[in-house]
Amino acid sequence: MARPKKTQSSLSKQIIVEHALSLLDESGPKAISFRSLAEQLGVTAMAIKHHVGSKEQLFQDLVSLAFKDIAIEPATTSANEPLLMIMGRYCQRVVKHTNLLNEILINPTLIDEQLSQLNSLIIEQLQKAGVKGEKQLVVLGVIVDYTHGFAFSMAAIKQRTSRPENSLSIADYVQGLELLVKGLIAQST
């Protein structure tokens, strides 16, 4: 392996992953290559590979960064409020990183421990709301599908219009989720 250039001395895995996430958000997955990252960071492609390993590992690191601390239960006393807050926070991240979500949907092996814990946290909230047995997974699936669909809709609208009044917001998402959750829980208890 060649000796790193002097400009590479401040290069780290964290810097590469943060830059790659910004690039993915802006330009999509085709823009993510060791060569393009190296050009933008002023280093060699081998330096990028040295720090992040494989492209698969890079995408796993992107998921970890984008969804860091996502599965933390908020402290609240209201019955459905924790679920709405958890999913609102998740939707914000999904909207911000729609290209990454698409990669996760294409390659489910990118689902990391944090996202798995998020599913467990949602199930726990559904149990607290009185949803029992197999219905928990059905309700979980509906909530997750609604969230992903909403995020893709928000991204599509943002691409097609520069007028903020035509955009959806996280508040719109939470309002729709609240109606959805109330209806699902009423039918599942």
Protein backbone atom coordinates (compact mmCIF):
# COMPACT_ATOMS: atom_id res chain seq x y z
CA MET A 1 0.00 0.00 0.00
CA ALA A 2 1.36 3.42 -0.93
CA ARG A 3 2.23 5.98 1.70
CA PRO A 4 -0.63 8.47 2.20
CA LYS A 5 -0.24 11.95 0.79
CA LYS A 6 0.24 14.72 3.31
CA THR A 7 -3.27 16.01 2.52
CA GLN A 8 -4.64 12.67 3.72
CA SER A 9 -3.39 13.10 7.28
CA SER A 10 -6.69 14.60 8.44
CA LEU A 11 -8.78 12.09 6.54
CA SER A 12 -10.94 9.85 8.72
CA LYS A 13 -13.75 7.38 8.31
CA GLN A 14 -16.12 9.91 9.90
CA ILE A 15 -15.21 12.63 7.38
CA ILE A 16 -15.65 10.22 4.47
CA VAL A 17 -19.01 8.90 5.70
CA GLU A 18 -20.37 12.39 6.41
CA HIS A 19 -19.27 13.57 2.96
CA ALA A 20 -20.70 10.45 1.29
CA LEU A 21 -24.06 10.98 3.02
CA SER A 22 -24.24 14.57 1.78
CA LEU A 23 -23.31 13.42 -1.70
CA LEU A 24 -25.90 10.63 -1.61
CA ASP A 25 -28.59 13.07 -0.45
CA GLU A 26 -27.78 15.53 -3.23
CA SER A 27 -26.90 13.31 -6.15
CA GLY A 28 -28.13 9.77 -5.50
CA PRO A 29 -26.35 6.43 -5.20
CA LYS A 30 -24.64 6.55 -8.62
CA ALA A 31 -22.55 9.45 -7.31
CA ILE A 32 -21.09 7.28 -4.53
CA SER A 33 -17.83 5.71 -5.63
CA PHE A 34 -14.41 5.60 -4.04
CA ARG A 35 -13.07 7.52 -7.01
CA SER A 36 -15.64 10.35 -6.78
CA LEU A 37 -15.22 10.62 -3.00
CA ALA A 38 -11.45 10.69 -3.42
CA GLU A 39 -11.63 13.45 -6.04
CA GLN A 40 -13.90 15.58 -3.86
CA LEU A 41 -11.82 15.05 -0.72
CA GLY A 42 -8.49 15.52 -2.51
CA VAL A 43 -7.15 12.06 -1.73
CA THR A 44 -6.68 8.75 -3.51
CA ALA A 45 -9.37 6.11 -3.97
CA MET A 46 -7.14 3.70 -2.04
CA ALA A 47 -7.16 6.10 0.93
CA ILE A 48 -10.96 6.02 0.89
CA LYS A 49 -10.96 2.22 0.69
CA HIS A 50 -8.43 2.03 3.52
CA HIS A 51 -10.75 3.99 5.83
CA VAL A 52 -14.16 2.56 4.89
CA GLY A 53 -13.45 -0.94 3.59
CA SER A 54 -15.96 -2.00 0.97
CA LYS A 55 -18.75 -0.06 -0.69
CA GLU A 56 -21.21 -2.29 1.20
CA GLN A 57 -19.56 -1.29 4.49
CA LEU A 58 -19.73 2.36 3.45
CA PHE A 59 -23.49 2.06 2.92
CA GLN A 60 -23.86 0.32 6.29
CA ASP A 61 -21.97 3.23 7.86
CA LEU A 62 -24.26 5.68 6.03
CA VAL A 63 -27.31 3.97 7.56
CA SER A 64 -25.72 4.06 11.01
CA LEU A 65 -24.96 7.77 10.69
CA ALA A 66 -28.33 8.75 9.21
CA PHE A 67 -30.36 6.87 11.82
CA LYS A 68 -28.10 7.32 14.84
CA ASP A 69 -30.11 7.36 18.10
CA ILE A 70 -33.40 6.90 16.24
CA ALA A 71 -34.74 4.27 18.65
CA ILE A 72 -34.84 6.40 21.78
CA GLU A 73 -38.20 6.47 23.52
CA PRO A 74 -39.34 10.00 24.37
CA ALA A 75 -40.51 10.75 27.91
CA THR A 76 -44.21 11.61 27.74
CA THR A 77 -47.41 10.66 29.49
CA SER A 78 -49.92 10.70 26.63
CA ALA A 79 -51.03 7.33 25.24
CA ASN A 80 -50.15 7.70 21.55
CA GLU A 81 -47.74 10.62 21.85
CA PRO A 82 -44.53 8.52 22.12
CA LEU A 83 -45.40 6.63 18.94
CA LEU A 84 -46.19 9.86 17.10
CA MET A 85 -42.95 11.45 18.30
CA ILE A 86 -40.84 8.40 17.43
CA MET A 87 -42.33 8.11 13.96
CA GLY A 88 -42.19 11.87 13.39
CA ARG A 89 -38.47 11.79 14.15
CA TYR A 90 -38.01 8.78 11.85
CA CYS A 91 -39.98 10.46 9.06
CA GLN A 92 -37.77 13.56 9.32
CA ARG A 93 -34.68 11.42 8.83
CA VAL A 94 -36.23 9.45 5.98
CA VAL A 95 -37.26 12.66 4.22
CA LYS A 96 -33.75 14.05 4.63
CA HIS A 97 -32.16 10.82 3.34
CA THR A 98 -34.68 9.54 0.76
CA ASN A 99 -31.93 8.18 -1.50
CA LEU A 100 -30.55 6.17 1.41
CA LEU A 101 -34.01 4.81 2.22
CA ASN A 102 -34.29 3.67 -1.38
CA GLU A 103 -30.98 1.82 -1.04
CA ILE A 104 -32.22 0.16 2.17
CA LEU A 105 -35.41 -0.95 0.42
CA ILE A 106 -33.33 -2.40 -2.43
CA ASN A 107 -30.90 -4.07 -0.03
CA PRO A 108 -32.56 -4.93 3.31
CA THR A 109 -29.24 -6.24 4.67
CA LEU A 110 -28.46 -2.55 5.28
CA ILE A 111 -31.02 -2.50 8.08
CA ASP A 112 -28.85 -2.01 11.14
CA GLU A 113 -29.38 -2.56 14.86
CA GLN A 114 -30.84 0.92 15.33
CA LEU A 115 -33.55 0.35 12.73
CA SER A 116 -34.30 -3.08 14.20
CA GLN A 117 -34.61 -1.48 17.64
CA LEU A 118 -36.97 1.08 16.13
CA ASN A 119 -39.30 -1.73 15.06
CA SER A 120 -39.18 -3.17 18.57
CA LEU A 121 -39.94 0.23 20.06
CA ILE A 122 -42.94 0.66 17.76
CA ILE A 123 -44.24 -2.80 18.73
CA GLU A 124 -43.80 -1.87 22.41
CA GLN A 125 -45.85 1.29 21.88
CA LEU A 126 -48.55 -0.70 20.09
CA GLN A 127 -48.66 -3.16 23.00
CA LYS A 128 -49.13 -0.25 25.40
CA ALA A 129 -52.00 0.95 23.22
CA GLY A 130 -53.67 -2.46 23.50
CA VAL A 131 -52.83 -3.97 20.11
CA LYS A 132 -52.34 -7.69 20.62
CA GLY A 133 -50.63 -10.63 18.92
CA GLU A 134 -50.29 -10.85 15.15
CA LYS A 135 -52.14 -7.57 14.73
CA GLN A 136 -49.06 -5.77 16.06
CA LEU A 137 -47.07 -6.76 12.97
CA VAL A 138 -49.90 -5.76 10.66
CA VAL A 139 -50.22 -2.34 12.31
CA LEU A 140 -46.42 -1.96 12.30
CA GLY A 141 -46.36 -2.70 8.57
CA VAL A 142 -49.10 -0.16 7.84
CA ILE A 143 -47.37 2.54 9.89
CA VAL A 144 -43.99 1.89 8.24
CA ASP A 145 -45.52 1.82 4.74
CA TYR A 146 -47.40 5.06 5.42
CA THR A 147 -44.18 6.67 6.66
CA HIS A 148 -42.12 5.62 3.66
CA GLY A 149 -44.87 6.58 1.22
CA PHE A 150 -45.23 9.99 2.84
CA ALA A 151 -41.47 10.58 2.72
CA PHE A 152 -41.28 9.69 -0.99
CA SER A 153 -44.28 11.96 -1.65
CA MET A 154 -42.59 14.84 0.18
CA ALA A 155 -39.39 14.31 -1.80
CA ALA A 156 -41.28 14.18 -5.11
CA ILE A 157 -43.22 17.35 -4.33
CA LYS A 158 -40.03 19.18 -3.29
CA GLN A 159 -38.40 18.20 -6.60
CA ARG A 160 -41.35 19.46 -8.63
CA THR A 161 -42.08 22.76 -6.94
CA SER A 162 -40.16 25.64 -5.49
CA ARG A 163 -43.26 26.99 -3.75
CA PRO A 164 -43.25 26.06 -0.03
CA GLU A 165 -47.02 26.40 0.22
CA ASN A 166 -47.35 23.40 -2.11
CA SER A 167 -45.14 21.25 0.11
CA LEU A 168 -46.03 18.71 2.73
CA SER A 169 -44.53 18.98 6.20
CA ILE A 170 -43.69 16.69 9.09
CA ALA A 171 -46.69 18.23 10.89
CA ASP A 172 -48.89 16.99 8.03
CA TYR A 173 -47.31 13.56 8.41
CA VAL A 174 -47.93 13.44 12.16
CA GLN A 175 -51.54 14.60 11.68
CA GLY A 176 -52.15 11.81 9.16
CA LEU A 177 -50.32 9.28 11.32
CA GLU A 178 -52.44 10.19 14.33
CA LEU A 179 -55.64 9.52 12.36
CA LEU A 180 -54.20 6.30 11.00
CA VAL A 181 -53.01 5.06 14.41
CA LYS A 182 -56.32 5.85 16.11
CA GLY A 183 -58.22 3.94 13.45
CA LEU A 184 -55.82 1.00 13.45
CA ILE A 185 -55.79 0.74 17.23
CA ALA A 186 -59.58 0.96 17.41
CA GLN A 187 -59.87 -1.96 14.97
CA SER A 188 -57.06 -4.00 16.55
CA THR A 189 -57.97 -3.98 20.23
